[in-house]
PDB file of N, CA and C in Angstrom:
ATOM      1  N   MET A   1     -17.190  62.120   4.266  1.00  0.00           N
ATOM      2  CA  MET A   1     -16.492  60.889   3.965  1.00  0.00           C
ATOM      3  C   MET A   1     -15.773  60.975   2.622  1.00  0.00           C
ATOM      4  N   ALA A   2     -16.082  61.990   1.828  1.00  0.00           N
ATOM      5  CA  ALA A   2     -15.443  62.125   0.526  1.00  0.00           C
ATOM      6  C   ALA A   2     -14.173  62.952   0.664  1.00  0.00           C
ATOM      7  N   PRO A   3     -13.260  62.814  -0.296  1.00  0.00           N
ATOM      8  CA  PRO A   3     -12.008  63.586  -0.224  1.00  0.00           C
ATOM      9  C   PRO A   3     -12.168  64.998  -0.762  1.00  0.00           C
ATOM     10  N   ARG A   4     -13.286  65.623  -0.505  1.00  0.00           N
ATOM     11  CA  ARG A   4     -13.503  66.998  -0.922  1.00  0.00           C
ATOM     12  C   ARG A   4     -14.376  67.694   0.114  1.00  0.00           C
ATOM     13  N   TYR A   5     -14.408  69.017   0.057  1.00  0.00           N
ATOM     14  CA  TYR A   5     -15.194  69.790   1.000  1.00  0.00           C
ATOM     15  C   TYR A   5     -16.432  70.340   0.313  1.00  0.00           C
ATOM     16  N   GLU A   6     -17.527  70.318   1.028  1.00  0.00           N
ATOM     17  CA  GLU A   6     -18.780  70.872   0.541  1.00  0.00           C
ATOM     18  C   GLU A   6     -19.306  71.823   1.605  1.00  0.00           C
ATOM     19  N   GLU A   7     -19.752  72.989   1.194  1.00  0.00           N
ATOM     20  CA  GLU A   7     -20.366  73.918   2.140  1.00  0.00           C
ATOM     21  C   GLU A   7     -21.854  73.608   2.216  1.00  0.00           C
ATOM     22  N   ILE A   8     -22.357  73.540   3.433  1.00  0.00           N
ATOM     23  CA  ILE A   8     -23.786  73.308   3.624  1.00  0.00           C
ATOM     24  C   ILE A   8     -24.332  74.395   4.523  1.00  0.00           C
ATOM     25  N   GLU A   9     -25.580  74.692   4.345  1.00  0.00           N
ATOM     26  CA  GLU A   9     -26.243  75.707   5.141  1.00  0.00           C
ATOM     27  C   GLU A   9     -26.851  75.048   6.377  1.00  0.00           C
ATOM     28  N   TYR A  10     -27.021  75.837   7.426  1.00  0.00           N
ATOM     29  CA  TYR A  10     -27.653  75.330   8.627  1.00  0.00           C
ATOM     30  C   TYR A  10     -29.067  74.869   8.293  1.00  0.00           C
ATOM     31  N   GLY A  11     -29.405  73.663   8.698  1.00  0.00           N
ATOM     32  CA  GLY A  11     -30.730  73.117   8.463  1.00  0.00           C
ATOM     33  C   GLY A  11     -30.890  72.435   7.113  1.00  0.00           C
ATOM     34  N   GLN A  12     -29.861  72.508   6.275  1.00  0.00           N
ATOM     35  CA  GLN A  12     -29.935  71.868   4.957  1.00  0.00           C
ATOM     36  C   GLN A  12     -29.858  70.355   5.132  1.00  0.00           C
ATOM     37  N   PRO A  13     -30.778  69.599   4.496  1.00  0.00           N
ATOM     38  CA  PRO A  13     -30.705  68.150   4.623  1.00  0.00           C
ATOM     39  C   PRO A  13     -29.460  67.620   3.919  1.00  0.00           C
ATOM     40  N   ILE A  14     -28.741  66.717   4.593  1.00  0.00           N
ATOM     41  CA  ILE A  14     -27.515  66.171   4.013  1.00  0.00           C
ATOM     42  C   ILE A  14     -27.581  64.664   3.836  1.00  0.00           C
ATOM     43  N   ALA A  15     -28.631  64.040   4.356  1.00  0.00           N
ATOM     44  CA  ALA A  15     -28.760  62.595   4.223  1.00  0.00           C
ATOM     45  C   ALA A  15     -30.216  62.210   4.379  1.00  0.00           C
ATOM     46  N   SER A  16     -30.550  61.050   3.888  1.00  0.00           N
ATOM     47  CA  SER A  16     -31.888  60.521   4.101  1.00  0.00           C
ATOM     48  C   SER A  16     -31.771  59.028   4.339  1.00  0.00           C
ATOM     49  N   ILE A  17     -32.783  58.477   4.932  1.00  0.00           N
ATOM     50  CA  ILE A  17     -32.786  57.048   5.205  1.00  0.00           C
ATOM     51  C   ILE A  17     -34.170  56.508   4.897  1.00  0.00           C
ATOM     52  N   HIS A  18     -34.211  55.345   4.310  1.00  0.00           N
ATOM     53  CA  HIS A  18     -35.480  54.700   3.971  1.00  0.00           C
ATOM     54  C   HIS A  18     -35.471  53.338   4.662  1.00  0.00           C
ATOM     55  N   LEU A  19     -36.349  53.148   5.606  1.00  0.00           N
ATOM     56  CA  LEU A  19     -36.404  51.901   6.354  1.00  0.00           C
ATOM     57  C   LEU A  19     -37.590  51.073   5.892  1.00  0.00           C
ATOM     58  N   ILE A  20     -37.347  49.802   5.686  1.00  0.00           N
ATOM     59  CA  ILE A  20     -38.420  48.872   5.342  1.00  0.00           C
ATOM     60  C   ILE A  20     -38.387  47.788   6.398  1.00  0.00           C
ATOM     61  N   LYS A  21     -39.476  47.594   7.081  1.00  0.00           N
ATOM     62  CA  LYS A  21     -39.544  46.594   8.141  1.00  0.00           C
ATOM     63  C   LYS A  21     -40.002  45.267   7.543  1.00  0.00           C
ATOM     64  N   PHE A  22     -39.224  44.231   7.779  1.00  0.00           N
ATOM     65  CA  PHE A  22     -39.568  42.888   7.324  1.00  0.00           C
ATOM     66  C   PHE A  22     -39.911  42.042   8.531  1.00  0.00           C
ATOM     67  N   LYS A  23     -40.945  41.242   8.401  1.00  0.00           N
ATOM     68  CA  LYS A  23     -41.336  40.352   9.478  1.00  0.00           C
ATOM     69  C   LYS A  23     -41.695  39.021   8.844  1.00  0.00           C
ATOM     70  N   GLU A  24     -41.004  37.990   9.276  1.00  0.00           N
ATOM     71  CA  GLU A  24     -41.215  36.645   8.751  1.00  0.00           C
ATOM     72  C   GLU A  24     -41.099  36.626   7.234  1.00  0.00           C
ATOM     73  N   GLY A  25     -40.118  37.358   6.696  1.00  0.00           N
ATOM     74  CA  GLY A  25     -39.854  37.318   5.275  1.00  0.00           C
ATOM     75  C   GLY A  25     -40.780  38.153   4.425  1.00  0.00           C
ATOM     76  N   ARG A  26     -41.671  38.922   5.025  1.00  0.00           N
ATOM     77  CA  ARG A  26     -42.614  39.728   4.246  1.00  0.00           C
ATOM     78  C   ARG A  26     -42.492  41.191   4.646  1.00  0.00           C
ATOM     79  N   GLU A  27     -42.708  42.036   3.673  1.00  0.00           N
ATOM     80  CA  GLU A  27     -42.652  43.474   3.927  1.00  0.00           C
ATOM     81  C   GLU A  27     -43.955  43.913   4.589  1.00  0.00           C
ATOM     82  N   VAL A  28     -43.837  44.720   5.612  1.00  0.00           N
ATOM     83  CA  VAL A  28     -45.019  45.249   6.288  1.00  0.00           C
ATOM     84  C   VAL A  28     -44.982  46.767   6.155  1.00  0.00           C
ATOM     85  N   ILE A  29     -45.960  47.328   5.501  1.00  0.00           N
ATOM     86  CA  ILE A  29     -46.064  48.772   5.375  1.00  0.00           C
ATOM     87  C   ILE A  29     -47.363  49.181   6.049  1.00  0.00           C
ATOM     88  N   LYS A  30     -47.233  49.966   7.103  1.00  0.00           N
ATOM     89  CA  LYS A  30     -48.421  50.360   7.854  1.00  0.00           C
ATOM     90  C   LYS A  30     -49.366  51.134   6.940  1.00  0.00           C
ATOM     91  N   GLY A  31     -50.590  50.804   6.970  1.00  0.00           N
ATOM     92  CA  GLY A  31     -51.572  51.461   6.127  1.00  0.00           C
ATOM     93  C   GLY A  31     -51.773  50.685   4.828  1.00  0.00           C
ATOM     94  N   TYR A  32     -50.705  50.460   4.106  1.00  0.00           N
ATOM     95  CA  TYR A  32     -50.800  49.744   2.833  1.00  0.00           C
ATOM     96  C   TYR A  32     -51.233  48.297   3.073  1.00  0.00           C
ATOM     97  N   ALA A  33     -50.645  47.648   4.081  1.00  0.00           N
ATOM     98  CA  ALA A  33     -50.953  46.245   4.341  1.00  0.00           C
ATOM     99  C   ALA A  33     -52.424  46.069   4.715  1.00  0.00           C
ATOM    100  N   GLU A  34     -52.958  46.996   5.526  1.00  0.00           N
ATOM    101  CA  GLU A  34     -54.355  46.869   5.919  1.00  0.00           C
ATOM    102  C   GLU A  34     -55.286  47.047   4.708  1.00  0.00           C
ATOM    103  N   GLU A  35     -54.884  47.918   3.801  1.00  0.00           N
ATOM    104  CA  GLU A  35     -55.736  48.228   2.659  1.00  0.00           C
ATOM    105  C   GLU A  35     -55.596  47.219   1.515  1.00  0.00           C
ATOM    106  N   HIS A  36     -54.355  46.774   1.228  1.00  0.00           N
ATOM    107  CA  HIS A  36     -54.105  45.937   0.057  1.00  0.00           C
ATOM    108  C   HIS A  36     -53.625  44.528   0.407  1.00  0.00           C
ATOM    109  N   GLY A  37     -53.417  44.240   1.644  1.00  0.00           N
ATOM    110  CA  GLY A  37     -52.898  42.936   2.030  1.00  0.00           C
ATOM    111  C   GLY A  37     -51.371  42.951   2.104  1.00  0.00           C
ATOM    112  N   ARG A  38     -50.800  41.859   2.592  1.00  0.00           N
ATOM    113  CA  ARG A  38     -49.350  41.769   2.766  1.00  0.00           C
ATOM    114  C   ARG A  38     -48.653  41.618   1.423  1.00  0.00           C
ATOM    115  N   ILE A  39     -47.428  42.074   1.358  1.00  0.00           N
ATOM    116  CA  ILE A  39     -46.632  41.964   0.140  1.00  0.00           C
ATOM    117  C   ILE A  39     -45.641  40.820   0.347  1.00  0.00           C
ATOM    118  N   ASP A  40     -45.689  39.814  -0.514  1.00  0.00           N
ATOM    119  CA  ASP A  40     -44.779  38.682  -0.393  1.00  0.00           C
ATOM    120  C   ASP A  40     -43.414  38.966  -1.001  1.00  0.00           C
ATOM    121  N   THR A  41     -43.365  39.737  -2.045  1.00  0.00           N
ATOM    122  CA  THR A  41     -42.089  40.062  -2.676  1.00  0.00           C
ATOM    123  C   THR A  41     -42.011  41.560  -2.879  1.00  0.00           C
ATOM    124  N   LEU A  42     -40.819  42.015  -3.025  1.00  0.00           N
ATOM    125  CA  LEU A  42     -40.563  43.438  -3.232  1.00  0.00           C
ATOM    126  C   LEU A  42     -40.318  43.645  -4.722  1.00  0.00           C
ATOM    127  N   SER A  43     -41.095  44.511  -5.347  1.00  0.00           N
ATOM    128  CA  SER A  43     -40.920  44.744  -6.783  1.00  0.00           C
ATOM    129  C   SER A  43     -39.567  45.380  -7.045  1.00  0.00           C
ATOM    130  N   LYS A  44     -39.065  45.185  -8.264  1.00  0.00           N
ATOM    131  CA  LYS A  44     -37.729  45.687  -8.605  1.00  0.00           C
ATOM    132  C   LYS A  44     -37.614  47.197  -8.436  1.00  0.00           C
ATOM    133  N   ASP A  45     -38.677  47.927  -8.726  1.00  0.00           N
ATOM    134  CA  ASP A  45     -38.606  49.381  -8.581  1.00  0.00           C
ATOM    135  C   ASP A  45     -38.570  49.818  -7.123  1.00  0.00           C
ATOM    136  N   ARG A  46     -38.928  48.937  -6.184  1.00  0.00           N
ATOM    137  CA  ARG A  46     -38.901  49.275  -4.759  1.00  0.00           C
ATOM    138  C   ARG A  46     -37.625  48.787  -4.080  1.00  0.00           C
ATOM    139  N   ARG A  47     -36.828  47.942  -4.780  1.00  0.00           N
ATOM    140  CA  ARG A  47     -35.594  47.420  -4.186  1.00  0.00           C
ATOM    141  C   ARG A  47     -34.505  48.480  -4.252  1.00  0.00           C
ATOM    142  N   PRO A  48     -33.740  48.619  -3.167  1.00  0.00           N
ATOM    143  CA  PRO A  48     -32.624  49.575  -3.212  1.00  0.00           C
ATOM    144  C   PRO A  48     -31.544  49.051  -4.142  1.00  0.00           C
ATOM    145  N   PRO A  49     -30.827  49.947  -4.824  1.00  0.00           N
ATOM    146  CA  PRO A  49     -29.765  49.481  -5.710  1.00  0.00           C
ATOM    147  C   PRO A  49     -28.639  48.847  -4.912  1.00  0.00           C
ATOM    148  N   LYS A  50     -28.118  47.765  -5.438  1.00  0.00           N
ATOM    149  CA  LYS A  50     -27.009  47.075  -4.780  1.00  0.00           C
ATOM    150  C   LYS A  50     -25.713  47.786  -5.162  1.00  0.00           C
ATOM    151  N   PRO A  51     -24.919  48.185  -4.187  1.00  0.00           N
ATOM    152  CA  PRO A  51     -23.671  48.883  -4.532  1.00  0.00           C
ATOM    153  C   PRO A  51     -22.709  47.938  -5.251  1.00  0.00           C
ATOM    154  N   GLU A  52     -21.903  48.513  -6.161  1.00  0.00           N
ATOM    155  CA  GLU A  52     -20.931  47.706  -6.889  1.00  0.00           C
ATOM    156  C   GLU A  52     -19.872  47.156  -5.949  1.00  0.00           C
ATOM    157  N   ARG A  53     -19.505  47.938  -4.972  1.00  0.00           N
ATOM    158  CA  ARG A  53     -18.522  47.491  -3.984  1.00  0.00           C
ATOM    159  C   ARG A  53     -18.830  48.186  -2.662  1.00  0.00           C
ATOM    160  N   THR A  54     -18.345  47.604  -1.598  1.00  0.00           N
ATOM    161  CA  THR A  54     -18.523  48.207  -0.285  1.00  0.00           C
ATOM    162  C   THR A  54     -17.561  49.378  -0.169  1.00  0.00           C
ATOM    163  N   LEU A  55     -18.096  50.545   0.176  1.00  0.00           N
ATOM    164  CA  LEU A  55     -17.236  51.716   0.295  1.00  0.00           C
ATOM    165  C   LEU A  55     -16.308  51.610   1.496  1.00  0.00           C
ATOM    166  N   TYR A  56     -16.846  51.159   2.605  1.00  0.00           N
ATOM    167  CA  TYR A  56     -16.061  51.075   3.828  1.00  0.00           C
ATOM    168  C   TYR A  56     -16.372  49.766   4.526  1.00  0.00           C
ATOM    169  N   ASP A  57     -15.347  49.042   4.901  1.00  0.00           N
ATOM    170  CA  ASP A  57     -15.521  47.832   5.689  1.00  0.00           C
ATOM    171  C   ASP A  57     -15.278  48.230   7.143  1.00  0.00           C
ATOM    172  N   TRP A  58     -16.368  48.541   7.843  1.00  0.00           N
ATOM    173  CA  TRP A  58     -16.263  49.104   9.194  1.00  0.00           C
ATOM    174  C   TRP A  58     -15.610  48.152  10.165  1.00  0.00           C
ATOM    175  N   ILE A  59     -15.754  46.852   9.975  1.00  0.00           N
ATOM    176  CA  ILE A  59     -15.116  45.882  10.868  1.00  0.00           C
ATOM    177  C   ILE A  59     -13.605  45.945  10.695  1.00  0.00           C
ATOM    178  N   LYS A  60     -13.142  45.998   9.435  1.00  0.00           N
ATOM    179  CA  LYS A  60     -11.699  46.099   9.196  1.00  0.00           C
ATOM    180  C   LYS A  60     -11.157  47.423   9.713  1.00  0.00           C
ATOM    181  N   ILE A  61     -11.905  48.498   9.496  1.00  0.00           N
ATOM    182  CA  ILE A  61     -11.460  49.805   9.971  1.00  0.00           C
ATOM    183  C   ILE A  61     -11.345  49.806  11.492  1.00  0.00           C
ATOM    184  N   SER A  62     -12.350  49.255  12.167  1.00  0.00           N
ATOM    185  CA  SER A  62     -12.326  49.197  13.624  1.00  0.00           C
ATOM    186  C   SER A  62     -11.164  48.350  14.117  1.00  0.00           C
ATOM    187  N   SER A  63     -10.943  47.211  13.466  1.00  0.00           N
ATOM    188  CA  SER A  63      -9.836  46.335  13.845  1.00  0.00           C
ATOM    189  C   SER A  63      -8.498  47.044  13.647  1.00  0.00           C
ATOM    190  N   ARG A  64      -8.356  47.737  12.526  1.00  0.00           N
ATOM    191  CA  ARG A  64      -7.107  48.453  12.239  1.00  0.00           C
ATOM    192  C   ARG A  64      -6.891  49.583  13.234  1.00  0.00           C
ATOM    193  N   LEU A  65      -7.961  50.271  13.621  1.00  0.00           N
ATOM    194  CA  LEU A  65      -7.838  51.327  14.627  1.00  0.00           C
ATOM    195  C   LEU A  65      -7.372  50.759  15.967  1.00  0.00           C
ATOM    196  N   ASP A  66      -7.899  49.586  16.332  1.00  0.00           N
ATOM    197  CA  ASP A  66      -7.451  48.937  17.567  1.00  0.00           C
ATOM    198  C   ASP A  66      -5.965  48.595  17.496  1.00  0.00           C
ATOM    199  N   GLU A  67      -5.528  48.079  16.329  1.00  0.00           N
ATOM    200  CA  GLU A  67      -4.106  47.755  16.150  1.00  0.00           C
ATOM    201  C   GLU A  67      -3.248  49.013  16.252  1.00  0.00           C
ATOM    202  N   MET A  68      -3.702  50.091  15.611  1.00  0.00           N
ATOM    203  CA  MET A  68      -2.946  51.342  15.642  1.00  0.00           C
ATOM    204  C   MET A  68      -2.878  51.906  17.060  1.00  0.00           C
ATOM    205  N   HIS A  69      -3.984  51.779  17.805  1.00  0.00           N
ATOM    206  CA  HIS A  69      -4.000  52.253  19.191  1.00  0.00           C
ATOM    207  C   HIS A  69      -2.975  51.486  20.013  1.00  0.00           C
ATOM    208  N   SER A  70      -2.902  50.179  19.779  1.00  0.00           N
ATOM    209  CA  SER A  70      -1.926  49.351  20.484  1.00  0.00           C
ATOM    210  C   SER A  70      -0.500  49.762  20.114  1.00  0.00           C
ATOM    211  N   GLU A  71      -0.268  50.004  18.823  1.00  0.00           N
ATOM    212  CA  GLU A  71       1.060  50.420  18.368  1.00  0.00           C
ATOM    213  C   GLU A  71       1.439  51.782  18.950  1.00  0.00           C
ATOM    214  N   ILE A  72       0.468  52.691  19.015  1.00  0.00           N
ATOM    215  CA  ILE A  72       0.732  54.012  19.587  1.00  0.00           C
ATOM    216  C   ILE A  72       1.110  53.864  21.058  1.00  0.00           C
ATOM    217  N   GLY A  73       0.442  52.949  21.772  1.00  0.00           N
ATOM    218  CA  GLY A  73       0.790  52.700  23.169  1.00  0.00           C
ATOM    219  C   GLY A  73       2.221  52.206  23.313  1.00  0.00           C
ATOM    220  N   LYS A  74       2.650  51.313  22.386  1.00  0.00           N
ATOM    221  CA  LYS A  74       4.031  50.813  22.424  1.00  0.00           C
ATOM    222  C   LYS A  74       5.014  51.934  22.136  1.00  0.00           C
ATOM    223  N   VAL A  75       4.701  52.774  21.153  1.00  0.00           N
ATOM    224  CA  VAL A  75       5.580  53.897  20.821  1.00  0.00           C
ATOM    225  C   VAL A  75       5.660  54.854  22.003  1.00  0.00           C
ATOM    226  N   GLY A  76       4.521  55.111  22.639  1.00  0.00           N
ATOM    227  CA  GLY A  76       4.511  55.986  23.812  1.00  0.00           C
ATOM    228  C   GLY A  76       5.385  55.451  24.930  1.00  0.00           C
ATOM    229  N   ALA A  77       5.343  54.128  25.148  1.00  0.00           N
ATOM    230  CA  ALA A  77       6.182  53.523  26.184  1.00  0.00           C
ATOM    231  C   ALA A  77       7.657  53.669  25.825  1.00  0.00           C
ATOM    232  N   ASN A  78       7.983  53.484  24.540  1.00  0.00           N
ATOM    233  CA  ASN A  78       9.376  53.641  24.104  1.00  0.00           C
ATOM    234  C   ASN A  78       9.835  55.084  24.253  1.00  0.00           C
ATOM    235  N   VAL A  79       8.965  56.024  23.916  1.00  0.00           N
ATOM    236  CA  VAL A  79       9.310  57.445  24.054  1.00  0.00           C
ATOM    237  C   VAL A  79       9.563  57.780  25.525  1.00  0.00           C
ATOM    238  N   ASP A  80       8.723  57.268  26.412  1.00  0.00           N
ATOM    239  CA  ASP A  80       8.924  57.507  27.845  1.00  0.00           C
ATOM    240  C   ASP A  80      10.251  56.922  28.317  1.00  0.00           C
ATOM    241  N   HIS A  81      10.586  55.733  27.821  1.00  0.00           N
ATOM    242  CA  HIS A  81      11.853  55.093  28.204  1.00  0.00           C
ATOM    243  C   HIS A  81      13.037  55.938  27.713  1.00  0.00           C
ATOM    244  N   ILE A  82      12.987  56.378  26.464  1.00  0.00           N
ATOM    245  CA  ILE A  82      14.075  57.197  25.904  1.00  0.00           C
ATOM    246  C   ILE A  82      14.156  58.533  26.630  1.00  0.00           C
ATOM    247  N   ARG A  83      13.010  59.110  26.953  1.00  0.00           N
ATOM    248  CA  ARG A  83      12.997  60.372  27.705  1.00  0.00           C
ATOM    249  C   ARG A  83      13.688  60.184  29.060  1.00  0.00           C
ATOM    250  N   GLY A  84      13.404  59.057  29.716  1.00  0.00           N
ATOM    251  CA  GLY A  84      14.058  58.772  30.992  1.00  0.00           C
ATOM    252  C   GLY A  84      15.570  58.635  30.838  1.00  0.00           C
ATOM    253  N   LEU A  85      16.006  57.963  29.762  1.00  0.00           N
ATOM    254  CA  LEU A  85      17.445  57.833  29.517  1.00  0.00           C
ATOM    255  C   LEU A  85      18.094  59.189  29.270  1.00  0.00           C
ATOM    256  N   ILE A  86      17.426  60.026  28.479  1.00  0.00           N
ATOM    257  CA  ILE A  86      17.976  61.357  28.188  1.00  0.00           C
ATOM    258  C   ILE A  86      18.074  62.182  29.465  1.00  0.00           C
ATOM    259  N   HIS A  87      17.045  62.119  30.289  1.00  0.00           N
ATOM    260  CA  HIS A  87      17.109  62.843  31.567  1.00  0.00           C
ATOM    261  C   HIS A  87      18.250  62.322  32.428  1.00  0.00           C
ATOM    262  N   GLY A  88      18.419  61.002  32.462  1.00  0.00           N
ATOM    263  CA  GLY A  88      19.511  60.421  33.250  1.00  0.00           C
ATOM    264  C   GLY A  88      20.867  60.895  32.767  1.00  0.00           C
ATOM    265  N   VAL A  89      21.081  60.900  31.441  1.00  0.00           N
ATOM    266  CA  VAL A  89      22.350  61.365  30.878  1.00  0.00           C
ATOM    267  C   VAL A  89      22.542  62.850  31.172  1.00  0.00           C
ATOM    268  N   PHE A  90      21.485  63.630  31.034  1.00  0.00           N
ATOM    269  CA  PHE A  90      21.578  65.063  31.303  1.00  0.00           C
ATOM    270  C   PHE A  90      21.961  65.322  32.760  1.00  0.00           C
ATOM    271  N   TYR A  91      21.272  64.657  33.688  1.00  0.00           N
ATOM    272  CA  TYR A  91      21.575  64.855  35.108  1.00  0.00           C
ATOM    273  C   TYR A  91      22.967  64.355  35.458  1.00  0.00           C
ATOM    274  N   ALA A  92      23.398  63.263  34.822  1.00  0.00           N
ATOM    275  CA  ALA A  92      24.756  62.760  35.069  1.00  0.00           C
ATOM    276  C   ALA A  92      25.790  63.763  34.559  1.00  0.00           C
ATOM    277  N   ALA A  93      25.531  64.376  33.401  1.00  0.00           N
ATOM    278  CA  ALA A  93      26.466  65.380  32.866  1.00  0.00           C
ATOM    279  C   ALA A  93      26.535  66.588  33.791  1.00  0.00           C
ATOM    280  N   ILE A  94      25.398  67.044  34.284  1.00  0.00           N
ATOM    281  CA  ILE A  94      25.385  68.186  35.222  1.00  0.00           C
ATOM    282  C   ILE A  94      26.147  67.828  36.493  1.00  0.00           C
ATOM    283  N   ALA A  95      25.895  66.617  37.007  1.00  0.00           N
ATOM    284  CA  ALA A  95      26.603  66.187  38.221  1.00  0.00           C
ATOM    285  C   ALA A  95      28.103  66.110  37.956  1.00  0.00           C
ATOM    286  N   GLY A  96      28.504  65.647  36.775  1.00  0.00           N
ATOM    287  CA  GLY A  96      29.928  65.579  36.431  1.00  0.00           C
ATOM    288  C   GLY A  96      30.554  66.960  36.360  1.00  0.00           C
ATOM    289  N   ILE A  97      29.840  67.908  35.765  1.00  0.00           N
ATOM    290  CA  ILE A  97      30.354  69.280  35.678  1.00  0.00           C
ATOM    291  C   ILE A  97      30.506  69.883  37.064  1.00  0.00           C
ATOM    292  N   ILE A  98      29.503  69.675  37.920  1.00  0.00           N
ATOM    293  CA  ILE A  98      29.573  70.199  39.303  1.00  0.00           C
ATOM    294  C   ILE A  98      30.732  69.549  40.048  1.00  0.00           C
ATOM    295  N   ALA A  99      30.890  68.229  39.892  1.00  0.00           N
ATOM    296  CA  ALA A  99      31.989  67.531  40.568  1.00  0.00           C
ATOM    297  C   ALA A  99      33.336  68.055  40.078  1.00  0.00           C
ATOM    298  N   ALA A 100      33.472  68.277  38.778  1.00  0.00           N
ATOM    299  CA  ALA A 100      34.724  68.802  38.230  1.00  0.00           C
ATOM    300  C   ALA A 100      35.009  70.198  38.776  1.00  0.00           C
ATOM    301  N   LEU A 101      33.977  71.036  38.877  1.00  0.00           N
ATOM    302  CA  LEU A 101      34.169  72.375  39.445  1.00  0.00           C
ATOM    303  C   LEU A 101      34.597  72.306  40.909  1.00  0.00           C
ATOM    304  N   VAL A 102      33.948  71.433  41.682  1.00  0.00           N
ATOM    305  CA  VAL A 102      34.299  71.301  43.100  1.00  0.00           C
ATOM    306  C   VAL A 102      35.749  70.819  43.240  1.00  0.00           C
ATOM    307  N   VAL A 103      36.124  69.817  42.468  1.00  0.00           N
ATOM    308  CA  VAL A 103      37.503  69.303  42.518  1.00  0.00           C
ATOM    309  C   VAL A 103      38.475  70.407  42.089  1.00  0.00           C
ATOM    310  N   GLY A 104      38.121  71.155  41.051  1.00  0.00           N
ATOM    311  CA  GLY A 104      38.989  72.249  40.601  1.00  0.00           C
ATOM    312  C   GLY A 104      39.158  73.305  41.666  1.00  0.00           C
ATOM    313  N   ILE A 105      38.080  73.659  42.346  1.00  0.00           N
ATOM    314  CA  ILE A 105      38.160  74.667  43.415  1.00  0.00           C
ATOM    315  C   ILE A 105      39.006  74.145  44.568  1.00  0.00           C
ATOM    316  N   ILE A 106      38.803  72.887  44.944  1.00  0.00           N
ATOM    317  CA  ILE A 106      39.591  72.303  46.036  1.00  0.00           C
ATOM    318  C   ILE A 106      41.072  72.279  45.667  1.00  0.00           C
ATOM    319  N   MET A 107      41.396  71.872  44.434  1.00  0.00           N
ATOM    320  CA  MET A 107      42.800  71.842  43.995  1.00  0.00           C
ATOM    321  C   MET A 107      43.396  73.257  44.016  1.00  0.00           C
ATOM    322  N   PHE A 108      42.608  74.234  43.592  1.00  0.00           N
ATOM    323  CA  PHE A 108      43.073  75.619  43.592  1.00  0.00           C
ATOM    324  C   PHE A 108      43.364  76.077  45.034  1.00  0.00           C
ATOM    325  N   LEU A 109      42.445  75.740  45.961  1.00  0.00           N
ATOM    326  CA  LEU A 109      42.633  76.147  47.354  1.00  0.00           C
ATOM    327  C   LEU A 109      43.826  75.431  47.968  1.00  0.00           C
ATOM    328  N   ILE A 110      44.052  74.187  47.640  1.00  0.00           N
ATOM    329  CA  ILE A 110      45.198  73.449  48.178  1.00  0.00           C
ATOM    330  C   ILE A 110      46.491  74.092  47.684  1.00  0.00           C
ATOM    331  N   LYS A 111      46.545  74.496  46.417  1.00  0.00           N
ATOM    332  CA  LYS A 111      47.756  75.140  45.878  1.00  0.00           C
ATOM    333  C   LYS A 111      48.010  76.471  46.565  1.00  0.00           C
ATOM    334  N   LEU A 112      46.927  77.187  46.913  1.00  0.00           N
ATOM    335  CA  LEU A 112      47.109  78.469  47.586  1.00  0.00           C
ATOM    336  C   LEU A 112      47.660  78.276  49.002  1.00  0.00           C
ATOM    337  N   LEU A 113      47.219  77.226  49.662  1.00  0.00           N
ATOM    338  CA  LEU A 113      47.643  76.980  51.035  1.00  0.00           C
ATOM    339  C   LEU A 113      49.060  76.405  51.104  1.00  0.00           C
ATOM    340  N   ILE A 114      49.525  75.788  50.109  1.00  0.00           N
ATOM    341  CA  ILE A 114      50.857  75.167  50.164  1.00  0.00           C
ATOM    342  C   ILE A 114      51.903  76.095  49.689  1.00  0.00           C
TER     343      ILE A 114
END
């Protein structure tokens, strides 16, 4: 996700996750709760640090990707339309050249016969 490359070895840990299960507003830690009782509040040293800002707004990113996908579909339709026009012009030019050759040959043959 960073704008740089890092080499990692196979099997090297690259991330970790710490899950805390809350139930009815209280932290439940298996083993600890049975031994010491339930914890009503989370001490400051156990709280995860609050980020200064959100690195990625996944909802906005997803929405923007949907918009871009829609725009790409419109561009694709326009490209197909232009491709069809170009093919039509190309085939019309070929047909015109063939027609001109046929007319030229017929005119040449008529001059020979007269």
